[in-house]
Amino acid sequence: MRGVHLLHGLVLFLVTLGKHGSVLSKKDPRGRLYHKLFDEYDQDVRPTLAPPDVVEVHFIAILSHIVEVDAKKQILTANLWLHMMWYDPRLEWNKADYGNVTTLVVPDERVWKPDVVLYQNADSAFDGWAKMHVLITNDGTVVWEHPAIVMSACEMDVSAFPFDSQVCTLTFGPWVQDATEVLMISDSAASNLKHFSANVGASGWDVLSLNARDQKVSYDGVYWGTTPKNFSETDITIHLRRKPTFYVFNLLLPCVLLAVMMAATFLLPIDNGEKVSFGVSILLALVVFQLLMVQLLPESESLPWIGKFVIIAMVLMAASLAISTIVINVCSRAAGPGKRPLGPWVRRVFLRYTAKFLLMGDLSQEDQPYSLIDGRNNACGEQVPMASKTVQSFVLLPGGSDDVDKKEDNAASSEMLDIMRGIKKGLDSLIIYYEEKEKVEGIESEWKLLAKVLDRICLLLYLVGASTCLLAFYFSSTVITPDI
């Protein structure tokens, strides 16, 4: 029983305290003003004196900082300070009747608010603006200030990546009430970058300007009925420019260096077995950089110039590997069976004129016999021994047929004569062998020289093609330059 009496006494105390607090609040000027304004206030009714009147909503957006610029998903995340102000005639009061109170702060759910939303909202978790307070002045002005992190869809042109600039437009306006009910009025001078923090969030971008403008847009076919509706909107345009330093040193420069290193494959010896494997390694490294760019850039038909350059470089590298294989095959033909000498026109065009044009000197051998008995150098730079001359001089030692006749005349034995003739026959075979060997070496030398000339031609074509593509893509890329 004592517990029941204690509970009954606590309830009476709370009721008495509530009545006392209500009396105190009504005696306080702000309390009396609050009850006077909101006891019969309906926050669901548009604040106009007559139905045809339009509520003018003054809209200001201040950019605090850029949270993230997701070029892959084409989404801009920004921290904005939104300021909206409108006139509500039901919230006017005479300040002299309420202790000269000129302002009153109340929860925003107690007053009427325009259903302003971000049209390009890309936040899947967005569930309306957060609960805040509004400031009411004695002349009926309602000020609603709201800091918000907004995620907006932003179509990005990355054709000039990493030297690109982007223009993102954020459209704010009523979702249901058209221009005959709510009119958006922006203050372009007040929407500024005064409180912008460049070193917070996405520091890889520079914000060039922030502009605001009003417009009325008709959305035909969106609503039921045949009469189109005009909606009042405010466009907040943010001009961004990417800071290219990070991408130049971590993406562009390695790609260019790989393309330059690919040119070094043409300078490797033709008979080097690592020539092709070295080129394949560089090609695979460039493919890795291509995959990195795919992760950074959006999936669109607007391919950046650096991506085009990488693709062209990959094509040139693949072509250079194929040509290197052909050149190695040409060089290997010199060591294969059935060696045939170069045609006169091939020797003239490639080993003489083309070699001179490529600053390799005159490599033609059409004015010299195939025999290297004179001791000139072969393609590998090795001095051929002058064995043939030695053999020829040695062959003359036994003498010719006249000497044999003289020896016969001198009563030399027929056995000695047969021995000398056998020796002469063997030496003649040896001379023929060395001459054929030197002829084959001359043919091999010509084929190797032809392979070197072809390799140098491929090097020149690769350098010209890569440099032309790099300059062409850079100067032809469209860089968005916003009008500030």
Protein backbone atom coordinates (compact mmCIF):
# COMPACT_ATOMS: atom_id res chain seq x y z
CA MET A 1 0.00 0.00 0.00
CA ARG A 2 2.84 2.36 0.75
CA GLY A 3 4.21 1.83 -2.77
CA VAL A 4 0.83 2.69 -4.30
CA HIS A 5 0.63 5.91 -2.28
CA LEU A 6 4.16 6.86 -3.30
CA LEU A 7 3.38 6.30 -7.00
CA HIS A 8 0.16 8.34 -6.70
CA GLY A 9 2.06 11.17 -5.06
CA LEU A 10 4.76 11.14 -7.79
CA VAL A 11 2.11 11.42 -10.51
CA LEU A 12 0.46 14.38 -8.75
CA PHE A 13 3.87 16.05 -8.41
CA LEU A 14 4.64 15.68 -12.10
CA VAL A 15 1.23 16.99 -13.11
CA THR A 16 1.61 19.98 -10.80
CA LEU A 17 5.14 20.61 -12.12
CA GLY A 18 3.87 20.46 -15.72
CA LYS A 19 1.13 22.96 -15.01
CA HIS A 20 3.59 25.20 -13.22
CA GLY A 21 6.04 24.99 -16.15
CA SER A 22 3.25 25.82 -18.58
CA VAL A 23 2.32 28.84 -16.53
CA LEU A 24 5.94 29.95 -16.40
CA SER A 25 6.34 29.50 -20.14
CA LYS A 26 3.24 31.58 -20.79
CA LYS A 27 4.55 34.32 -18.55
CA ASP A 28 7.90 34.32 -20.41
CA PRO A 29 7.73 36.57 -23.53
CA ARG A 30 9.24 33.91 -25.80
CA GLY A 31 6.94 31.26 -24.37
CA ARG A 32 3.87 33.41 -24.90
CA LEU A 33 5.09 34.21 -28.41
CA TYR A 34 5.69 30.55 -29.21
CA HIS A 35 2.18 29.53 -28.09
CA LYS A 36 0.66 32.47 -29.89
CA LEU A 37 2.33 31.53 -33.17
CA PHE A 38 2.02 27.76 -33.16
CA ASP A 39 -1.08 26.85 -31.13
CA GLU A 40 -3.17 27.13 -34.29
CA TYR A 41 -0.37 26.95 -36.89
CA ASP A 42 -0.57 24.31 -39.63
CA GLN A 43 2.84 23.51 -41.08
CA ASP A 44 1.32 21.61 -44.01
CA VAL A 45 -0.34 24.70 -45.51
CA ARG A 46 1.58 26.95 -47.90
CA PRO A 47 2.15 30.39 -46.23
CA THR A 48 0.20 32.76 -48.47
CA LEU A 49 -2.54 35.27 -47.80
CA ALA A 50 -4.40 34.24 -50.95
CA PRO A 51 -4.20 30.97 -52.95
CA PRO A 52 -2.86 32.58 -56.15
CA ASP A 53 0.12 34.08 -54.30
CA VAL A 54 3.57 32.64 -54.91
CA VAL A 55 6.04 31.89 -52.12
CA GLU A 56 9.44 33.32 -53.02
CA VAL A 57 12.27 31.17 -51.63
CA HIS A 58 15.66 32.91 -51.60
CA PHE A 59 18.33 30.26 -52.04
CA ILE A 60 22.07 30.54 -51.28
CA ALA A 61 24.67 27.77 -51.54
CA ILE A 62 28.15 28.10 -50.01
CA LEU A 63 30.76 25.45 -50.81
CA SER A 64 32.69 24.30 -47.74
CA HIS A 65 34.90 21.66 -49.37
CA ILE A 66 34.92 18.93 -51.98
CA VAL A 67 34.64 15.56 -50.28
CA GLU A 68 35.30 13.34 -53.32
CA VAL A 69 35.28 13.42 -57.10
CA ASP A 70 34.62 9.89 -58.34
CA ALA A 71 35.42 10.02 -62.05
CA LYS A 72 34.80 6.28 -62.37
CA LYS A 73 31.17 6.57 -61.22
CA GLN A 74 30.89 10.23 -62.30
CA ILE A 75 29.69 11.38 -58.87
CA LEU A 76 30.60 14.60 -57.08
CA THR A 77 30.41 14.61 -53.28
CA ALA A 78 30.51 18.07 -51.74
CA ASN A 79 29.84 19.72 -48.40
CA LEU A 80 27.43 22.64 -48.95
CA TRP A 81 25.96 25.18 -46.60
CA LEU A 82 22.40 25.69 -47.83
CA HIS A 83 20.55 28.86 -46.89
CA MET A 84 16.84 29.28 -47.67
CA MET A 85 14.69 32.21 -46.69
CA TRP A 86 10.99 32.94 -47.30
CA TYR A 87 8.16 35.05 -45.93
CA ASP A 88 5.40 33.53 -43.78
CA PRO A 89 2.66 36.07 -42.90
CA ARG A 90 1.32 33.80 -40.15
CA LEU A 91 4.56 34.21 -38.18
CA GLU A 92 4.55 37.98 -37.77
CA TRP A 93 4.29 39.67 -34.38
CA ASN A 94 4.63 43.01 -32.74
CA LYS A 95 7.86 42.96 -30.80
CA ALA A 96 6.56 45.54 -28.34
CA ASP A 97 3.91 43.06 -27.15
CA TYR A 98 6.51 40.41 -26.37
CA GLY A 99 9.30 42.17 -24.54
CA ASN A 100 11.01 43.42 -27.75
CA VAL A 101 11.70 39.87 -28.88
CA THR A 102 12.72 40.11 -32.55
CA THR A 103 13.83 36.52 -33.27
CA LEU A 104 12.65 33.07 -32.33
CA VAL A 105 14.38 29.74 -32.93
CA VAL A 106 12.12 26.70 -33.26
CA PRO A 107 12.48 23.16 -34.66
CA ASP A 108 12.04 23.10 -38.41
CA GLU A 109 9.24 20.52 -38.27
CA ARG A 110 7.00 23.15 -36.66
CA VAL A 111 6.99 25.46 -39.69
CA TRP A 112 6.17 25.07 -43.35
CA LYS A 113 9.21 24.35 -45.56
CA PRO A 114 9.51 24.12 -49.33
CA ASP A 115 10.10 20.60 -50.62
CA VAL A 116 13.45 21.57 -52.15
CA VAL A 117 15.58 18.59 -53.22
CA LEU A 118 18.67 17.97 -55.31
CA TYR A 119 17.52 16.73 -58.70
CA GLN A 120 20.82 14.93 -59.53
CA ASN A 121 20.93 13.19 -56.17
CA ALA A 122 23.10 10.05 -56.36
CA ASP A 123 22.99 9.12 -52.67
CA SER A 124 21.09 5.85 -52.34
CA ALA A 125 20.85 6.35 -48.56
CA PHE A 126 19.29 9.83 -48.82
CA ASP A 127 16.15 10.07 -46.66
CA GLY A 128 15.47 13.77 -46.62
CA TRP A 129 17.32 16.64 -45.01
CA ALA A 130 18.44 16.26 -41.40
CA LYS A 131 16.35 17.78 -38.63
CA MET A 132 17.50 21.33 -37.89
CA HIS A 133 16.16 24.56 -36.41
CA VAL A 134 14.85 27.62 -38.19
CA LEU A 135 15.18 31.28 -37.29
CA ILE A 136 12.02 33.40 -37.38
CA THR A 137 12.06 37.20 -37.27
CA ASN A 138 9.20 39.45 -36.16
CA ASP A 139 8.48 40.53 -39.76
CA GLY A 140 7.55 36.96 -40.75
CA THR A 141 10.89 36.02 -42.34
CA VAL A 142 11.87 32.38 -41.92
CA VAL A 143 15.56 31.48 -42.31
CA TRP A 144 16.48 27.83 -42.73
CA GLU A 145 20.23 27.11 -42.70
CA HIS A 146 21.30 23.57 -43.33
CA PRO A 147 24.81 22.08 -43.78
CA ALA A 148 24.60 19.03 -46.00
CA ILE A 149 26.90 16.56 -47.72
CA VAL A 150 25.35 16.04 -51.14
CA MET A 151 26.19 13.42 -53.75
CA SER A 152 25.37 14.61 -57.23
CA ALA A 153 25.64 12.90 -60.58
CA CYS A 154 28.10 14.82 -62.76
CA GLU A 155 28.81 13.91 -66.37
CA MET A 156 32.58 14.16 -66.81
CA ASP A 157 34.62 14.55 -69.97
CA VAL A 158 37.99 12.91 -69.36
CA SER A 159 39.33 13.26 -72.91
CA ALA A 160 42.05 15.59 -71.62
CA PHE A 161 42.98 13.47 -68.57
CA PRO A 162 45.06 14.28 -66.50
CA PHE A 163 44.90 17.91 -67.67
CA ASP A 164 41.11 18.03 -67.69
CA SER A 165 38.61 20.44 -66.17
CA GLN A 166 35.07 19.51 -65.18
CA VAL A 167 31.82 21.44 -64.86
CA CYS A 168 29.31 20.00 -62.41
CA THR A 169 25.81 21.46 -62.12
CA LEU A 170 23.72 20.86 -59.01
CA THR A 171 20.03 21.66 -59.53
CA PHE A 172 17.92 22.48 -56.47
CA GLY A 173 14.17 23.03 -56.65
CA PRO A 174 10.74 21.93 -55.39
CA TRP A 175 9.79 18.40 -56.33
CA VAL A 176 5.99 18.75 -56.29
CA GLN A 177 5.15 22.45 -56.12
CA ASP A 178 5.54 24.16 -59.49
CA ALA A 179 6.47 27.75 -60.31
CA THR A 180 2.93 28.99 -59.62
CA GLU A 181 3.32 27.99 -55.97
CA VAL A 182 7.05 28.24 -55.15
CA LEU A 183 9.54 30.51 -56.93
CA MET A 184 13.27 29.95 -56.42
CA ILE A 185 15.40 33.11 -56.28
CA SER A 186 19.16 32.73 -55.99
CA ASP A 187 21.77 35.25 -54.94
CA SER A 188 24.77 34.68 -57.19
CA ALA A 189 26.96 37.07 -55.20
CA ALA A 190 26.20 35.28 -51.93
CA SER A 191 26.93 31.83 -53.43
CA ASN A 192 30.70 32.04 -53.27
CA LEU A 193 33.89 30.28 -52.24
CA LYS A 194 34.58 32.47 -49.23
CA HIS A 195 34.54 29.54 -46.80
CA PHE A 196 36.01 26.95 -49.16
CA SER A 197 38.74 24.70 -47.70
CA ALA A 198 41.02 23.53 -50.51
CA ASN A 199 43.12 21.19 -48.35
CA VAL A 200 40.19 19.15 -47.05
CA GLY A 201 38.75 16.14 -48.83
CA ALA A 202 39.54 15.82 -52.54
CA SER A 203 42.74 17.88 -52.54
CA GLY A 204 43.54 16.68 -56.05
CA TRP A 205 41.16 19.26 -57.53
CA ASP A 206 41.13 23.04 -57.74
CA VAL A 207 37.76 24.81 -57.55
CA LEU A 208 37.84 27.67 -60.04
CA SER A 209 34.42 29.19 -59.43
CA LEU A 210 30.92 28.63 -58.09
CA ASN A 211 27.99 30.30 -59.87
CA ALA A 212 24.24 30.27 -59.27
CA ARG A 213 21.38 31.06 -61.65
CA ASP A 214 17.61 30.62 -61.74
CA GLN A 215 15.53 29.08 -64.47
CA LYS A 216 12.10 27.67 -65.19
CA VAL A 217 11.96 24.25 -66.76
CA SER A 218 8.95 22.47 -68.22
CA TYR A 219 8.84 18.71 -67.77
CA ASP A 220 6.43 17.50 -70.44
CA GLY A 221 5.05 14.00 -70.15
CA VAL A 222 6.24 13.50 -66.59
CA TYR A 223 2.95 14.23 -64.85
CA TRP A 224 -0.55 12.97 -65.45
CA GLY A 225 -2.67 15.25 -67.56
CA THR A 226 -2.09 17.23 -70.71
CA THR A 227 -1.00 20.56 -69.21
CA PRO A 228 2.79 20.77 -68.76
CA LYS A 229 4.12 22.26 -65.55
CA ASN A 230 6.92 24.79 -65.18
CA PHE A 231 9.18 24.33 -62.20
CA SER A 232 11.43 26.99 -60.72
CA GLU A 233 14.99 25.75 -60.23
CA THR A 234 18.33 27.04 -59.04
CA ASP A 235 21.47 25.73 -60.75
CA ILE A 236 24.69 25.74 -58.73
CA THR A 237 27.58 25.34 -61.18
CA ILE A 238 30.95 24.24 -59.80
CA HIS A 239 34.02 24.54 -62.05
CA LEU A 240 36.76 22.04 -61.15
CA ARG A 241 40.25 21.56 -62.50
CA ARG A 242 42.32 18.45 -61.84
CA LYS A 243 45.81 18.80 -60.36
CA PRO A 244 47.91 16.80 -62.84
CA THR A 245 51.17 16.47 -60.90
CA PHE A 246 50.27 13.18 -59.21
CA TYR A 247 49.15 11.53 -62.45
CA VAL A 248 52.06 12.91 -64.48
CA PHE A 249 54.69 11.34 -62.21
CA ASN A 250 52.83 8.13 -61.38
CA LEU A 251 51.03 7.32 -64.62
CA LEU A 252 52.08 9.39 -67.62
CA LEU A 253 55.84 9.42 -67.06
CA PRO A 254 56.15 5.61 -66.59
CA CYS A 255 54.12 5.03 -69.76
CA VAL A 256 56.37 7.35 -71.76
CA LEU A 257 59.49 5.73 -70.30
CA LEU A 258 58.20 2.28 -71.23
CA ALA A 259 57.53 3.49 -74.76
CA VAL A 260 61.09 4.86 -74.95
CA MET A 261 62.53 1.63 -73.55
CA MET A 262 60.67 -0.27 -76.23
CA ALA A 263 62.76 1.58 -78.79
CA ALA A 264 65.86 0.10 -77.15
CA THR A 265 64.82 -3.36 -78.34
CA PHE A 266 65.78 -2.32 -81.87
CA LEU A 267 69.29 -1.55 -80.67
CA LEU A 268 69.89 -5.03 -79.26
CA PRO A 269 71.97 -7.44 -81.37
CA ILE A 270 69.86 -9.29 -83.88
CA ASP A 271 71.16 -12.70 -82.92
CA ASN A 272 70.50 -12.00 -79.21
CA GLY A 273 67.90 -14.39 -77.85
CA GLU A 274 66.66 -11.82 -75.28
CA LYS A 275 65.52 -9.36 -77.92
CA VAL A 276 61.93 -10.61 -78.14
CA SER A 277 61.57 -11.49 -74.46
CA PHE A 278 62.67 -7.98 -73.48
CA GLY A 279 60.02 -6.46 -75.73
CA VAL A 280 57.32 -8.78 -74.39
CA SER A 281 58.18 -7.76 -70.80
CA ILE A 282 57.77 -4.08 -71.65
CA LEU A 283 54.50 -4.78 -73.45
CA LEU A 284 53.12 -6.57 -70.38
CA ALA A 285 54.16 -3.66 -68.14
CA LEU A 286 52.27 -1.26 -70.39
CA VAL A 287 49.20 -3.49 -70.23
CA VAL A 288 49.32 -3.16 -66.42
CA PHE A 289 49.23 0.64 -66.72
CA GLN A 290 46.30 0.32 -69.10
CA LEU A 291 44.41 -1.67 -66.46
CA LEU A 292 45.18 1.02 -63.87
CA MET A 293 43.68 3.69 -66.10
CA VAL A 294 40.58 1.57 -66.64
CA GLN A 295 40.03 1.61 -62.87
CA LEU A 296 40.37 5.41 -62.73
CA LEU A 297 38.32 6.50 -65.73
CA PRO A 298 34.57 6.16 -66.35
CA GLU A 299 33.18 3.57 -68.71
CA SER A 300 32.35 5.86 -71.61
CA GLU A 301 33.28 6.39 -75.23
CA SER A 302 35.30 9.46 -74.29
CA LEU A 303 38.76 7.94 -74.14
CA PRO A 304 41.49 10.26 -72.80
CA TRP A 305 44.46 11.09 -74.95
CA ILE A 306 46.81 9.26 -72.60
CA GLY A 307 44.68 6.14 -73.00
CA LYS A 308 44.84 6.51 -76.76
CA PHE A 309 48.59 6.94 -76.54
CA VAL A 310 48.96 3.80 -74.44
CA ILE A 311 46.84 1.83 -76.90
CA ILE A 312 48.81 3.13 -79.88
CA ALA A 313 52.06 2.39 -78.04
CA MET A 314 50.86 -1.15 -77.36
CA VAL A 315 49.99 -1.58 -81.05
CA LEU A 316 53.39 -0.21 -82.07
CA MET A 317 55.13 -2.48 -79.59
CA ALA A 318 53.24 -5.52 -80.84
CA ALA A 319 54.08 -4.53 -84.41
CA SER A 320 57.72 -4.00 -83.47
CA LEU A 321 57.86 -7.46 -81.91
CA ALA A 322 56.38 -8.96 -85.04
CA ILE A 323 58.86 -7.06 -87.20
CA SER A 324 61.72 -8.07 -84.91
CA THR A 325 60.68 -11.68 -85.38
CA ILE A 326 60.73 -11.20 -89.15
CA VAL A 327 64.15 -9.53 -88.96
CA ILE A 328 65.50 -12.37 -86.84
CA ASN A 329 64.09 -14.77 -89.41
CA VAL A 330 65.82 -12.82 -92.17
CA CYS A 331 69.06 -12.95 -90.24
CA SER A 332 68.67 -16.69 -89.59
CA ARG A 333 68.24 -17.36 -93.30
CA ALA A 334 71.88 -16.49 -93.68
CA ALA A 335 72.79 -19.45 -91.48
CA GLY A 336 70.30 -21.83 -93.01
CA PRO A 337 70.80 -24.27 -95.87
CA GLY A 338 70.52 -23.18 -99.48
CA LYS A 339 72.13 -19.79 -98.98
CA ARG A 340 71.44 -17.45 -101.86
CA PRO A 341 73.06 -14.04 -102.31
CA LEU A 342 71.07 -10.84 -102.22
CA GLY A 343 69.70 -9.49 -105.44
CA PRO A 344 71.46 -6.50 -106.97
CA TRP A 345 68.48 -4.19 -106.40
CA VAL A 346 68.20 -5.24 -102.73
CA ARG A 347 71.88 -4.59 -102.22
CA ARG A 348 71.63 -1.23 -103.97
CA VAL A 349 68.43 0.00 -102.29
CA PHE A 350 68.95 -1.21 -98.72
CA LEU A 351 72.68 -1.61 -98.23
CA ARG A 352 73.69 1.52 -100.10
CA TYR A 353 71.02 4.24 -100.27
CA THR A 354 68.93 3.33 -97.23
CA ALA A 355 72.01 2.71 -95.09
CA LYS A 356 73.41 6.10 -96.06
CA PHE A 357 70.07 7.76 -95.21
CA LEU A 358 70.12 6.08 -91.79
CA LEU A 359 73.69 7.28 -91.19
CA MET A 360 75.04 3.74 -91.30
CA GLY A 361 77.41 4.33 -94.21
CA ASP A 362 77.65 2.40 -97.45
CA LEU A 363 77.14 -1.27 -96.60
CA SER A 364 76.79 -2.52 -100.17
CA GLN A 365 79.23 -5.05 -101.51
CA GLU A 366 78.13 -5.15 -105.11
CA ASP A 367 81.45 -3.72 -106.34
CA GLN A 368 83.47 -6.38 -104.51
CA PRO A 369 83.58 -10.13 -105.08
CA TYR A 370 82.16 -12.55 -102.56
CA SER A 371 85.64 -13.87 -101.74
CA LEU A 372 87.03 -12.38 -98.60
CA ILE A 373 90.58 -13.32 -99.54
CA ASP A 374 91.57 -9.68 -99.48
CA GLY A 375 90.96 -9.71 -95.71
CA ARG A 376 87.99 -7.31 -95.34
CA ASN A 377 85.71 -7.51 -92.26
CA ASN A 378 82.51 -9.53 -92.13
CA ALA A 379 79.21 -8.44 -90.50
CA CYS A 380 80.32 -9.45 -87.06
CA GLY A 381 83.51 -7.38 -87.30
CA GLU A 382 85.85 -10.40 -87.38
CA GLN A 383 88.95 -10.27 -89.57
CA VAL A 384 88.96 -13.17 -92.06
CA PRO A 385 92.39 -14.86 -92.18
CA MET A 386 94.29 -14.51 -95.42
CA ALA A 387 94.66 -18.27 -95.69
CA SER A 388 93.84 -18.40 -99.37
CA LYS A 389 96.75 -16.23 -100.37
CA THR A 390 99.03 -18.38 -98.28
CA VAL A 391 97.60 -21.50 -99.86
CA GLN A 392 97.91 -20.05 -103.35
CA SER A 393 101.52 -19.10 -102.78
CA PHE A 394 102.14 -22.54 -101.34
CA VAL A 395 100.48 -24.16 -104.34
CA LEU A 396 102.91 -22.41 -106.63
CA LEU A 397 105.84 -23.89 -104.75
CA PRO A 398 105.63 -27.25 -106.43
CA GLY A 399 105.45 -25.55 -109.76
CA GLY A 400 103.19 -26.07 -112.74
CA SER A 401 103.21 -28.60 -115.51
CA ASP A 402 106.24 -26.94 -117.05
CA ASP A 403 108.25 -27.61 -113.92
CA VAL A 404 107.17 -31.23 -114.01
CA ASP A 405 108.21 -31.47 -117.63
CA LYS A 406 111.54 -29.93 -116.70
CA LYS A 407 111.92 -32.44 -113.92
CA GLU A 408 111.07 -35.19 -116.39
CA ASP A 409 113.67 -33.77 -118.63
CA ASN A 410 116.04 -33.92 -115.70
CA ALA A 411 115.33 -37.61 -115.40
CA ALA A 412 113.22 -37.32 -112.22
CA SER A 413 111.58 -40.50 -111.26
CA SER A 414 107.93 -41.04 -112.21
CA GLU A 415 107.09 -41.93 -108.61
CA MET A 416 108.19 -38.53 -107.38
CA LEU A 417 106.15 -36.92 -110.15
CA ASP A 418 103.00 -38.73 -109.06
CA ILE A 419 103.52 -37.64 -105.49
CA MET A 420 103.89 -34.01 -106.51
CA ARG A 421 100.76 -34.17 -108.63
CA GLY A 422 98.80 -35.66 -105.73
CA ILE A 423 99.96 -32.87 -103.48
CA LYS A 424 98.93 -30.28 -106.08
CA LYS A 425 95.52 -31.87 -106.41
CA GLY A 426 94.98 -31.78 -102.65
CA LEU A 427 96.02 -28.17 -102.45
CA ASP A 428 93.64 -27.27 -105.29
CA SER A 429 90.78 -28.89 -103.33
CA LEU A 430 91.79 -26.96 -100.23
CA ILE A 431 91.76 -23.68 -102.19
CA ILE A 432 88.31 -24.45 -103.55
CA TYR A 433 87.06 -25.22 -100.01
CA TYR A 434 88.34 -21.92 -98.59
CA GLU A 435 86.91 -19.98 -101.53
CA GLU A 436 83.48 -21.58 -101.02
CA LYS A 437 83.68 -20.94 -97.30
CA GLU A 438 84.52 -17.27 -97.86
CA LYS A 439 81.70 -17.01 -100.38
CA VAL A 440 79.22 -18.41 -97.83
CA GLU A 441 80.52 -16.03 -95.18
CA GLY A 442 80.05 -13.16 -97.60
CA ILE A 443 76.44 -14.18 -98.21
CA GLU A 444 75.83 -14.45 -94.44
CA SER A 445 77.41 -11.06 -93.95
CA GLU A 446 75.09 -9.47 -96.51
CA TRP A 447 71.98 -11.00 -94.95
CA LYS A 448 73.05 -9.80 -91.50
CA LEU A 449 73.67 -6.32 -92.85
CA LEU A 450 70.21 -6.35 -94.44
CA ALA A 451 68.72 -7.37 -91.08
CA LYS A 452 70.51 -4.48 -89.37
CA VAL A 453 69.17 -2.00 -91.92
CA LEU A 454 65.62 -3.35 -91.50
CA ASP A 455 65.98 -3.10 -87.72
CA ARG A 456 67.09 0.51 -88.00
CA ILE A 457 64.13 1.28 -90.30
CA CYS A 458 61.75 -0.20 -87.72
CA LEU A 459 63.37 1.89 -85.00
CA LEU A 460 62.88 5.06 -87.03
CA LEU A 461 59.26 4.23 -87.83
CA TYR A 462 58.54 3.43 -84.18
CA LEU A 463 60.02 6.69 -82.91
CA VAL A 464 58.19 8.75 -85.51
CA GLY A 465 54.90 6.96 -84.88
CA ALA A 466 55.07 7.15 -81.08
CA SER A 467 56.14 10.82 -81.05
CA THR A 468 53.50 11.81 -83.59
CA CYS A 469 50.72 10.06 -81.68
CA LEU A 470 51.81 11.56 -78.37
CA LEU A 471 51.89 15.12 -79.74
CA ALA A 472 48.73 14.70 -81.81
CA PHE A 473 46.69 13.32 -78.90
CA TYR A 474 47.98 16.00 -76.54
CA PHE A 475 47.24 18.99 -78.78
CA SER A 476 43.96 17.61 -80.12
CA SER A 477 42.54 16.87 -76.68
CA THR A 478 39.60 19.09 -75.71
CA VAL A 479 40.29 20.92 -72.46
CA ILE A 480 37.21 22.48 -70.88
CA THR A 481 37.99 26.06 -69.94
CA PRO A 482 35.11 27.45 -67.91
CA ASP A 483 34.04 31.04 -68.21
CA ILE A 484 34.66 32.52 -64.81
